[in-house]
Every structure is written in C-alpha cells, then in structure tokens.
Amino acid sequence: MESAIFLLSLLIFGCSQAEIKCTTRRCLAQMLIRNQYLSSPQSENCTLLVEVPLIEYETLSVDMKELHLMSRLQVTIAWVDPELAWNTSVYPFDKLILPVDKVWTPYISIENGQSSMEHDSPDLVVYSNGTVGHNVVIIAEVNCGINLFNYPFAFDVCPVGLKSTAPDECGISIKVDQVKLAESSHGDWQTEEVKLGKKREDRNFIDVSLRIRYTNPFITLLLPTILIMVADIVSGALPLQGGERNSFKVTLVLSFTMFLNILTTVLPGDSKCSPVIRIHFCVCQVLMVISMLVSMFLTRVSQDGLAFFTCFSKNPASQNAEDNKENEDAENKGVISVVQQGLSEDSKMLRKIVRFMEAVDTKQTERESHQKLADKLDRIFFWLYLICSSGYVVAMTYVMVQYTCNIDHFQFWN
C-alpha cells in the first residue's frame, strides 16, 4: 500500500513538472515543432487565403535587348494555420517564434515571368489564434515587352502579375492590400510610380510606371547625329572649286557610318513598337549622301555647265574638233583674203593674236557663267537642305516625345 502511494505521488509530481516545463515559450515552440506541420493547411473548399498586407517594390534593371524587367519584391505575408493555435489559458503567450524550415510556408510567384522566393528571415512569428506572419523576398524577371518606340524618351507601364489560384480550385488565393515603391532609380531607368491593380478576383498585378533618363542616350546617340548634320549643312560655306567641300562631305558620311557601326550594340532591340531612332539614323544618312552627291554634281556644273548632263548633247571631243575646223577654215579664208589683198606678215600675226584672245575671253565668259549657275543652284539647294533638315529634326523630335505606341501587356492572361 505504501509503495502504491509512493508511485502515485511520483506520477503526480512528474506531471506537474511537465506542466511547469511547458509553460515557457520555448517549450511550446518545441511542442509545435515536434508536430512537424510541413503540409499546407486544408480548408473545406481546398483554398488557402494568404493575406499580403504590404509589397515593397524595387526595379533592379531593365534589359532593352531582351525586353525584360528585373524586379525585387519585399512581401509581407500572413495566413491561418489552425494546427498551430494554442489555448492562451494554458499557455499564456500571444505569439512565439518558430524556425521557418519547420513549418509550411506558401510560395509566392510571378505569372508573367520567372521568379524565385527567398525567406527574409530564418524565423517566422506564430500567433495564438493560428495566424502566421512572415517576410519573403521575390526576385522576378518579368517579360514586359517594353515600349521603346520613343527611345531615348521611352515611357511605359509594365504589369507584374502575381500568381493566384482561382476561388473554385485547390491552391493559394492571394489578397494584396498595399504596394509601395522602395527605391525609384537604377541606371538609365527611373520607376515613377507603382499601383495595385486587379483584372479579376484572382488576378492581382502591380503596374510599374517606368521612364528612361534621356540625358545619357541623348548625349551618346542623338546629339552626335545633330552635330554631324549641322556640320554637313555649314559645309555649304566651302567653295565648290578645289574639291575641299566634296572631301569634307565624304569624310562626314564615313564618320557617320562608323558611328552607326559602333552603336549597333547599344541600340535597343526590336519589338512590336520598334525604336523610331533607327529610322532617324537611316534618314540622316540618306540626307547626308544626297548632300554629298549634289555637291559633286554642282562641282561638275561649275566646270562644264549643264551641257555635260544633257542626254542629247554633243560629245565634247567632236564639238572641239568642229570648233577647231571652223577656226582653221576661217583662218584659211582670212589668209587667202589677206594674200589677195597683199597684206604683210605682221598683219596676219596680229589677226591670229586677236582671234586667240577672243577665244580666251569666250572661254572665260563661259566659265564665269557656269560658276554663276553652279553658285545659284548651290544657294537654292542650301536653303532647301536647311529647311528640309530643320523640319525633319522638329518632326522627328515631336514623334519621339509625343507619339504613343500601344502594346497589350496582359497577353499572358488573355
């Protein structure tokens, strides 16, 4: 009888000691860890609601070749796991900390790209009613199809779709309350605004407003083309004679061609709204080549006039031969007449000198008329070229800044 009483007292004492041990947070945490709740909580409708009180969005980089948007999302999540709840009358604690690898956690991913989720902390917080709070970091590569038509004044709004299960299917349903911009600038691109949007109850997305910082691409791309075009226009001040203008224009065209070859790797990639700056470079090169060809044409006009370019004009060699023959006939007739009249040799020589001087004067007069014609055509082309180039620059600048090319960024849901 005494031994039975002793054993019973030991049992009561052991139980009281166990209860005393489990009145600490660590004891309670160890008890929950031993249960190993590594599977998703199962509700009646097979859908678990994951609350997202806050998303802090940050743009890491923009790939203009592949048209991808690299993003970092700091996400605060909360869900209810009834198996992790406890009675506060027995365990007087409102919350405790559990290792994140000992408890099931939801996986948040991106709909329109590739993403990876990492835990912001090795621990999470569990509340007495079974609510679990945790912070995760999502690195996402979003397939945006960025509108680069207005490059280097590009602006676009790219959606970052959050993957969520439809209400009538098994899985995770996400409810986002607020999104905030963490950092606005990285490299040449600036994130102006982020807004929370919803296509459907189970389709949440973040609208990211992006605008490129045009200072760097303007200096490296647009400004050199404008300066080369200005140099080409001002080269009209060089004289047509001597070939200085033609050699200068050829040098400009070659420099512009080398400039385009160097910038091939810098220019953004093609998309539905291909960058209009490609067309700008092409038009600039065409205008410069036309200016070079017109300069060569006017150089020849200043020497030979427009008769050289007439389709049915006579061959210069045959024309000169005919002129020489006429001069010889006239000379022979003059000699005959002089001989017949009994003129002296000095008189004949004087007539030859007079005819030679008249021919030189005629050539000089023709050359001056050709130069005047070439100068007149040159002035006309200069003003036409200046007006056309200035109008083109103004029109292209307006298109780059104001024109909007629309892209459907929600094809991944369509």
Protein backbone atom coordinates (compact mmCIF):
# COMPACT_ATOMS: atom_id res chain seq x y z
CA MET A 1 0.00 0.00 0.00
CA GLU A 2 2.78 2.40 0.83
CA SER A 3 4.58 1.59 -2.44
CA ALA A 4 1.40 2.31 -4.45
CA ILE A 5 1.01 5.67 -2.73
CA PHE A 6 4.65 6.42 -3.44
CA LEU A 7 4.32 5.60 -7.14
CA LEU A 8 1.15 7.68 -7.42
CA SER A 9 2.86 10.66 -5.84
CA LEU A 10 5.78 10.29 -8.22
CA LEU A 11 3.38 10.28 -11.19
CA ILE A 12 1.55 13.39 -9.97
CA PHE A 13 4.84 15.14 -9.28
CA GLY A 14 6.15 14.25 -12.78
CA CYS A 15 3.03 15.54 -14.50
CA SER A 16 3.19 18.79 -12.55
CA GLN A 17 6.83 19.14 -13.53
CA ALA A 18 5.88 18.55 -17.22
CA GLU A 19 3.20 21.21 -16.99
CA ILE A 20 5.67 23.59 -15.42
CA LYS A 21 8.19 22.92 -18.21
CA CYS A 22 5.58 23.60 -20.94
CA THR A 23 4.64 26.98 -19.57
CA THR A 24 7.59 28.63 -21.35
CA ARG A 25 7.64 29.91 -24.94
CA ARG A 26 10.47 27.62 -25.89
CA CYS A 27 8.70 24.59 -24.55
CA LEU A 28 5.60 25.50 -26.54
CA ALA A 29 7.67 26.09 -29.65
CA GLN A 30 9.37 22.69 -29.27
CA MET A 31 5.99 21.05 -28.90
CA LEU A 32 4.75 22.64 -32.15
CA ILE A 33 7.99 21.73 -33.93
CA ARG A 34 7.62 18.08 -32.90
CA ASN A 35 4.23 18.01 -34.62
CA GLN A 36 6.01 18.75 -37.97
CA TYR A 37 3.27 20.66 -39.76
CA LEU A 38 5.05 20.74 -43.12
CA SER A 39 1.96 20.45 -45.33
CA SER A 40 -0.46 23.16 -46.34
CA PRO A 41 -3.48 23.76 -44.08
CA GLN A 42 -6.52 22.04 -45.56
CA SER A 43 -9.78 24.00 -45.54
CA GLU A 44 -13.23 22.84 -46.59
CA ASN A 45 -13.08 24.49 -50.03
CA CYS A 46 -9.45 23.40 -50.58
CA THR A 47 -8.32 27.04 -50.94
CA LEU A 48 -5.99 28.80 -48.53
CA LEU A 49 -6.24 32.58 -48.32
CA VAL A 50 -2.86 34.27 -47.99
CA GLU A 51 -3.05 37.89 -46.87
CA VAL A 52 -0.41 40.27 -48.29
CA PRO A 53 -0.58 43.45 -46.20
CA LEU A 54 2.34 45.14 -47.98
CA ILE A 55 4.60 44.73 -51.00
CA GLU A 56 7.68 46.93 -51.30
CA TYR A 57 8.62 47.04 -55.00
CA GLU A 58 12.04 47.88 -56.44
CA THR A 59 13.24 47.86 -60.07
CA LEU A 60 16.71 46.34 -60.31
CA SER A 61 17.39 46.73 -64.05
CA VAL A 62 15.79 46.93 -67.49
CA ASP A 63 17.14 44.75 -70.30
CA MET A 64 16.41 46.67 -73.52
CA LYS A 65 17.72 43.87 -75.75
CA GLU A 66 15.60 41.04 -74.31
CA LEU A 67 12.83 43.41 -73.15
CA HIS A 68 12.90 42.04 -69.58
CA LEU A 69 12.32 43.81 -66.30
CA MET A 70 14.30 42.66 -63.26
CA SER A 71 12.40 43.38 -60.02
CA ARG A 72 12.75 42.81 -56.30
CA LEU A 73 9.64 42.47 -54.15
CA GLN A 74 9.76 42.56 -50.36
CA VAL A 75 6.49 40.83 -49.42
CA THR A 76 4.82 40.63 -46.05
CA ILE A 77 2.51 37.61 -45.90
CA ALA A 78 0.10 36.17 -43.33
CA TRP A 79 -2.09 33.07 -43.27
CA VAL A 80 -4.04 31.00 -40.77
CA ASP A 81 -2.93 27.50 -39.78
CA PRO A 82 -5.41 26.12 -37.18
CA GLU A 83 -2.99 23.35 -36.22
CA LEU A 84 -0.56 25.93 -34.87
CA ALA A 85 -3.07 27.58 -32.50
CA TRP A 86 -2.96 27.09 -28.73
CA ASN A 87 -5.07 27.84 -25.69
CA THR A 88 -3.89 31.04 -24.00
CA SER A 89 -5.38 29.91 -20.67
CA VAL A 90 -2.93 27.01 -20.65
CA TYR A 91 -0.09 28.72 -22.49
CA PRO A 92 -0.29 32.43 -21.63
CA PHE A 93 1.52 33.72 -24.70
CA ASP A 94 0.12 35.76 -27.59
CA LYS A 95 2.87 34.85 -30.06
CA LEU A 96 6.10 32.96 -30.42
CA ILE A 97 8.89 32.35 -32.95
CA LEU A 98 9.33 29.16 -34.97
CA PRO A 99 12.04 28.14 -37.47
CA VAL A 100 10.81 28.71 -41.00
CA ASP A 101 12.01 25.31 -42.18
CA LYS A 102 9.89 23.50 -39.55
CA VAL A 103 6.57 24.97 -40.67
CA TRP A 104 4.82 25.04 -44.02
CA THR A 105 5.06 28.42 -45.79
CA PRO A 106 3.28 29.50 -49.01
CA TYR A 107 5.26 30.06 -52.20
CA ILE A 108 4.54 33.37 -53.98
CA SER A 109 5.48 33.54 -57.67
CA ILE A 110 5.08 35.76 -60.74
CA GLU A 111 2.63 35.00 -63.55
CA ASN A 112 4.36 36.72 -66.49
CA GLY A 113 7.97 35.70 -65.94
CA GLN A 114 10.41 33.69 -63.89
CA SER A 115 10.81 34.25 -60.18
CA SER A 116 12.50 32.86 -57.10
CA MET A 117 11.39 33.32 -53.50
CA GLU A 118 13.72 33.54 -50.54
CA HIS A 119 12.94 33.90 -46.85
CA ASP A 120 13.86 37.28 -45.47
CA SER A 121 14.44 35.71 -42.04
CA PRO A 122 15.14 32.15 -40.81
CA ASP A 123 12.24 32.53 -38.35
CA LEU A 124 8.57 33.39 -38.52
CA VAL A 125 6.01 34.58 -36.00
CA VAL A 126 3.02 32.44 -34.93
CA TYR A 127 0.07 33.90 -33.01
CA SER A 128 -2.17 32.09 -30.56
CA ASN A 129 -5.14 32.02 -32.99
CA GLY A 130 -3.03 30.18 -35.60
CA THR A 131 -2.13 33.23 -37.69
CA VAL A 132 1.38 33.05 -39.15
CA GLY A 133 3.31 36.17 -40.22
CA HIS A 134 6.42 36.15 -42.36
CA ASN A 135 8.50 38.26 -44.78
CA VAL A 136 9.81 36.91 -48.08
CA VAL A 137 11.86 38.37 -50.94
CA ILE A 138 10.89 37.66 -54.55
CA ILE A 139 13.38 38.23 -57.39
CA ALA A 140 11.42 38.33 -60.64
CA GLU A 141 12.42 38.55 -64.31
CA VAL A 142 9.27 39.93 -65.92
CA ASN A 143 8.55 39.54 -69.64
CA CYS A 144 7.22 43.03 -70.20
CA GLY A 145 7.70 43.79 -73.90
CA ILE A 146 8.72 47.34 -73.00
CA ASN A 147 7.59 50.03 -75.42
CA LEU A 148 10.81 51.52 -76.83
CA PHE A 149 9.28 53.38 -79.78
CA ASN A 150 10.06 56.78 -78.21
CA TYR A 151 13.62 55.84 -77.20
CA PRO A 152 15.50 57.77 -75.78
CA PHE A 153 12.33 59.38 -74.42
CA ALA A 154 10.74 55.99 -73.70
CA PHE A 155 7.98 55.59 -71.15
CA ASP A 156 5.86 52.54 -70.37
CA VAL A 157 3.71 50.90 -67.72
CA CYS A 158 4.62 47.25 -67.16
CA PRO A 159 2.43 44.88 -65.10
CA VAL A 160 3.91 42.36 -62.67
CA GLY A 161 1.28 39.63 -62.34
CA LEU A 162 1.03 37.74 -59.03
CA LYS A 163 0.13 34.08 -59.43
CA SER A 164 -3.01 33.10 -57.56
CA THR A 165 -5.41 30.15 -57.67
CA ALA A 166 -8.99 30.63 -58.81
CA PRO A 167 -11.56 30.51 -55.95
CA ASP A 168 -13.06 27.20 -57.12
CA GLU A 169 -9.70 25.38 -57.34
CA CYS A 170 -7.29 23.92 -54.80
CA GLY A 171 -4.33 26.13 -54.05
CA ILE A 172 -3.33 29.52 -52.70
CA SER A 173 -5.51 32.60 -53.10
CA ILE A 174 -3.65 35.90 -52.67
CA LYS A 175 -5.19 39.09 -51.37
CA VAL A 176 -2.96 42.18 -51.64
CA ASP A 177 -3.73 45.26 -49.57
CA GLN A 178 -0.99 47.76 -50.39
CA VAL A 179 2.04 48.19 -52.63
CA LYS A 180 4.80 50.73 -52.03
CA LEU A 181 7.80 51.90 -54.04
CA ALA A 182 11.02 51.10 -52.19
CA GLU A 183 13.60 52.72 -54.50
CA SER A 184 12.90 54.66 -57.67
CA SER A 185 16.08 54.77 -59.77
CA HIS A 186 18.52 52.22 -61.13
CA GLY A 187 20.79 53.03 -64.07
CA ASP A 188 19.15 54.79 -67.01
CA TRP A 189 15.62 53.88 -65.93
CA GLN A 190 13.52 55.52 -63.25
CA THR A 191 10.46 53.98 -61.59
CA GLU A 192 7.99 56.82 -61.26
CA GLU A 193 5.05 55.02 -59.64
CA VAL A 194 3.69 51.63 -58.64
CA LYS A 195 -0.04 50.91 -58.36
CA LEU A 196 -2.04 47.87 -57.37
CA GLY A 197 -4.46 46.59 -59.98
CA LYS A 198 -6.85 43.69 -60.42
CA LYS A 199 -8.11 42.06 -63.60
CA ARG A 200 -10.24 39.57 -61.74
CA GLU A 201 -10.70 38.39 -58.17
CA ASP A 202 -7.78 36.00 -58.56
CA ARG A 203 -5.67 38.21 -60.88
CA ASN A 204 -3.69 40.78 -58.93
CA PHE A 205 -0.93 42.76 -60.61
CA ILE A 206 1.40 45.67 -59.91
CA ASP A 207 1.51 48.45 -62.51
CA VAL A 208 5.08 49.74 -62.71
CA SER A 209 5.49 53.13 -64.43
CA LEU A 210 8.95 53.34 -65.99
CA ARG A 211 10.65 56.28 -67.69
CA ILE A 212 14.14 56.33 -69.14
CA ARG A 213 16.59 59.03 -68.10
CA TYR A 214 17.18 60.56 -71.52
CA THR A 215 20.35 62.51 -70.63
CA ASN A 216 22.82 59.70 -71.29
CA PRO A 217 21.27 58.28 -74.52
CA PHE A 218 20.66 61.81 -75.81
CA ILE A 219 24.33 62.71 -75.39
CA THR A 220 25.62 59.43 -76.86
CA LEU A 221 23.06 58.90 -79.64
CA LEU A 222 21.03 61.93 -80.68
CA LEU A 223 23.47 64.78 -80.07
CA PRO A 224 26.25 63.35 -82.33
CA THR A 225 23.80 62.93 -85.22
CA ILE A 226 22.55 66.51 -84.80
CA LEU A 227 26.11 67.87 -84.71
CA ILE A 228 27.13 65.90 -87.81
CA MET A 229 24.05 67.16 -89.66
CA VAL A 230 24.87 70.76 -88.64
CA ALA A 231 28.46 70.31 -89.88
CA ASP A 232 27.10 68.97 -93.17
CA ILE A 233 24.82 72.00 -93.58
CA VAL A 234 27.54 74.51 -92.68
CA SER A 235 29.91 72.84 -95.17
CA GLY A 236 27.92 74.69 -97.83
CA ALA A 237 30.10 77.71 -97.00
CA LEU A 238 33.11 75.95 -98.56
CA PRO A 239 33.81 76.80 -102.23
CA LEU A 240 32.76 74.39 -104.94
CA GLN A 241 36.09 74.69 -106.72
CA GLY A 242 39.13 72.86 -105.46
CA GLY A 243 37.36 69.79 -104.04
CA GLU A 244 37.57 70.76 -100.36
CA ARG A 245 33.82 70.59 -99.90
CA ASN A 246 33.48 67.17 -101.53
CA SER A 247 36.29 65.64 -99.48
CA PHE A 248 34.79 67.11 -96.30
CA LYS A 249 31.34 65.69 -97.04
CA VAL A 250 32.79 62.27 -97.86
CA THR A 251 34.60 62.34 -94.51
CA LEU A 252 31.34 63.19 -92.72
CA VAL A 253 29.47 60.31 -94.38
CA LEU A 254 32.22 57.84 -93.48
CA SER A 255 32.32 59.14 -89.90
CA PHE A 256 28.56 58.75 -89.56
CA THR A 257 28.74 55.20 -90.94
CA MET A 258 31.43 54.28 -88.42
CA PHE A 259 29.35 55.90 -85.68
CA LEU A 260 26.37 53.68 -86.54
CA ASN A 261 28.53 50.54 -86.61
CA ILE A 262 29.85 51.31 -83.13
CA LEU A 263 26.36 51.95 -81.74
CA THR A 264 24.83 48.75 -83.12
CA THR A 265 25.33 47.01 -79.77
CA VAL A 266 23.97 49.99 -77.84
CA LEU A 267 20.71 50.44 -79.71
CA PRO A 268 17.67 48.77 -78.09
CA GLY A 269 16.21 45.58 -79.50
CA ASP A 270 13.25 45.16 -81.83
CA SER A 271 9.72 44.70 -80.57
CA LYS A 272 6.18 45.38 -81.68
CA CYS A 273 6.94 49.08 -81.22
CA SER A 274 10.45 49.17 -82.69
CA PRO A 275 12.53 52.23 -81.70
CA VAL A 276 11.99 55.08 -84.15
CA ILE A 277 15.58 56.19 -83.58
CA ARG A 278 16.65 53.51 -86.10
CA ILE A 279 14.61 55.28 -88.78
CA HIS A 280 16.12 58.57 -87.62
CA PHE A 281 19.66 57.28 -88.22
CA CYS A 282 18.68 55.94 -91.65
CA VAL A 283 17.10 59.25 -92.74
CA CYS A 284 20.12 61.23 -91.52
CA GLN A 285 22.46 59.04 -93.52
CA VAL A 286 20.29 59.33 -96.66
CA LEU A 287 20.21 63.14 -96.35
CA MET A 288 23.98 63.30 -95.96
CA VAL A 289 24.56 61.07 -99.01
CA ILE A 290 22.17 63.22 -101.08
CA SER A 291 24.04 66.34 -99.97
CA MET A 292 27.35 64.76 -100.96
CA LEU A 293 26.07 63.74 -104.41
CA VAL A 294 24.58 67.18 -105.07
CA SER A 295 27.88 68.79 -104.10
CA MET A 296 29.71 66.59 -106.63
CA PHE A 297 27.11 67.44 -109.28
CA LEU A 298 27.47 71.17 -108.70
CA THR A 299 31.26 70.90 -108.84
CA ARG A 300 30.98 69.49 -112.36
CA VAL A 301 28.41 72.14 -113.30
CA SER A 302 30.83 74.88 -112.24
CA GLN A 303 33.38 73.46 -114.70
CA ASP A 304 31.34 72.42 -117.75
CA GLY A 305 27.82 73.74 -117.16
CA LEU A 306 24.65 71.77 -117.68
CA ALA A 307 25.57 70.75 -121.24
CA PHE A 308 27.54 67.81 -119.85
CA PHE A 309 24.40 66.34 -118.27
CA THR A 310 22.17 66.83 -121.32
CA CYS A 311 21.21 63.46 -122.76
CA PHE A 312 21.36 64.59 -126.39
CA SER A 313 24.32 66.92 -126.07
CA LYS A 314 27.24 66.51 -128.44
CA ASN A 315 30.42 64.78 -127.47
CA PRO A 316 32.89 67.38 -126.16
CA ALA A 317 35.71 65.93 -128.27
CA SER A 318 33.74 66.14 -131.52
CA GLN A 319 32.48 69.60 -130.57
CA ASN A 320 36.05 70.81 -130.05
CA ALA A 321 37.11 69.23 -133.34
CA GLU A 322 34.33 71.08 -135.16
CA ASP A 323 35.30 74.34 -133.48
CA ASN A 324 38.94 73.84 -134.49
CA LYS A 325 37.93 73.05 -138.05
CA GLU A 326 35.80 76.17 -138.25
CA ASN A 327 38.67 78.21 -136.88
CA GLU A 328 41.05 76.70 -139.43
CA ASP A 329 38.62 77.41 -142.30
CA ALA A 330 38.15 80.93 -141.10
CA GLU A 331 41.90 81.29 -140.80
CA ASN A 332 42.49 79.94 -144.31
CA LYS A 333 39.87 82.24 -145.73
CA GLY A 334 41.42 85.10 -143.87
CA VAL A 335 44.89 84.18 -145.13
CA ILE A 336 43.62 83.92 -148.69
CA SER A 337 41.90 87.23 -148.46
CA VAL A 338 44.98 88.78 -146.92
CA VAL A 339 47.24 87.34 -149.58
CA GLN A 340 44.88 88.53 -152.22
CA GLN A 341 44.96 91.99 -150.74
CA GLY A 342 48.71 91.91 -150.39
CA LEU A 343 48.83 92.28 -146.58
CA SER A 344 52.10 91.87 -144.70
CA GLU A 345 53.10 89.03 -142.36
CA ASP A 346 52.71 91.29 -139.33
CA SER A 347 49.10 91.85 -140.17
CA LYS A 348 48.45 88.10 -140.34
CA MET A 349 50.09 87.52 -136.97
CA LEU A 350 48.04 90.30 -135.45
CA ARG A 351 44.83 88.67 -136.67
CA LYS A 352 45.85 85.34 -135.09
CA ILE A 353 46.56 87.03 -131.75
CA VAL A 354 43.19 88.77 -131.88
CA ARG A 355 41.35 85.54 -132.59
CA PHE A 356 43.24 83.78 -129.78
CA MET A 357 42.37 86.50 -127.29
CA GLU A 358 38.73 86.38 -128.39
CA ALA A 359 38.69 82.61 -127.80
CA VAL A 360 40.23 83.06 -124.36
CA ASP A 361 37.66 85.70 -123.49
CA THR A 362 34.87 83.42 -124.72
CA LYS A 363 36.16 80.55 -122.57
CA GLN A 364 36.46 82.84 -119.56
CA THR A 365 32.95 84.15 -120.10
CA GLU A 366 31.55 80.60 -120.36
CA ARG A 367 33.41 79.55 -117.24
CA GLU A 368 32.11 82.53 -115.30
CA SER A 369 28.56 81.81 -116.47
CA HIS A 370 28.96 78.16 -115.40
CA GLN A 371 30.22 79.22 -111.99
CA LYS A 372 27.36 81.68 -111.57
CA LEU A 373 24.87 78.94 -112.48
CA ALA A 374 26.51 76.49 -110.05
CA ASP A 375 26.54 79.11 -107.27
CA LYS A 376 22.88 79.88 -107.88
CA LEU A 377 21.93 76.20 -107.77
CA ASP A 378 24.12 75.77 -104.71
CA ARG A 379 22.31 78.54 -102.84
CA ILE A 380 18.93 77.09 -103.78
CA PHE A 381 19.95 73.62 -102.60
CA PHE A 382 21.46 75.04 -99.40
CA TRP A 383 18.20 76.66 -98.35
CA LEU A 384 16.16 73.64 -99.40
CA TYR A 385 18.51 71.35 -97.49
CA LEU A 386 18.43 73.61 -94.42
CA ILE A 387 14.62 73.82 -94.43
CA CYS A 388 14.16 70.08 -95.00
CA SER A 389 16.72 69.11 -92.35
CA SER A 390 15.30 71.52 -89.77
CA GLY A 391 11.74 70.39 -90.48
CA TYR A 392 12.77 66.75 -90.24
CA VAL A 393 14.52 67.29 -86.89
CA VAL A 394 11.48 69.09 -85.48
CA ALA A 395 9.08 66.42 -86.77
CA MET A 396 11.21 63.53 -85.52
CA THR A 397 11.62 65.15 -82.10
CA TYR A 398 7.86 65.60 -81.86
CA VAL A 399 7.28 61.95 -82.80
CA MET A 400 9.85 60.73 -80.28
CA VAL A 401 8.35 62.77 -77.46
CA GLN A 402 4.61 62.77 -78.17
CA TYR A 403 3.65 59.72 -80.24
CA THR A 404 2.29 56.74 -78.30
CA CYS A 405 2.64 53.15 -79.47
CA ASN A 406 0.24 50.82 -77.66
CA ILE A 407 1.20 47.31 -76.51
CA ASP A 408 -1.06 44.78 -74.82
CA HIS A 409 0.93 43.79 -71.73
CA PHE A 410 -1.74 41.37 -70.47
CA GLN A 411 -1.43 38.73 -73.20
CA PHE A 412 -0.18 36.25 -70.60
CA TRP A 413 -3.70 36.29 -69.10
CA ASN A 414 -5.56 36.52 -72.38
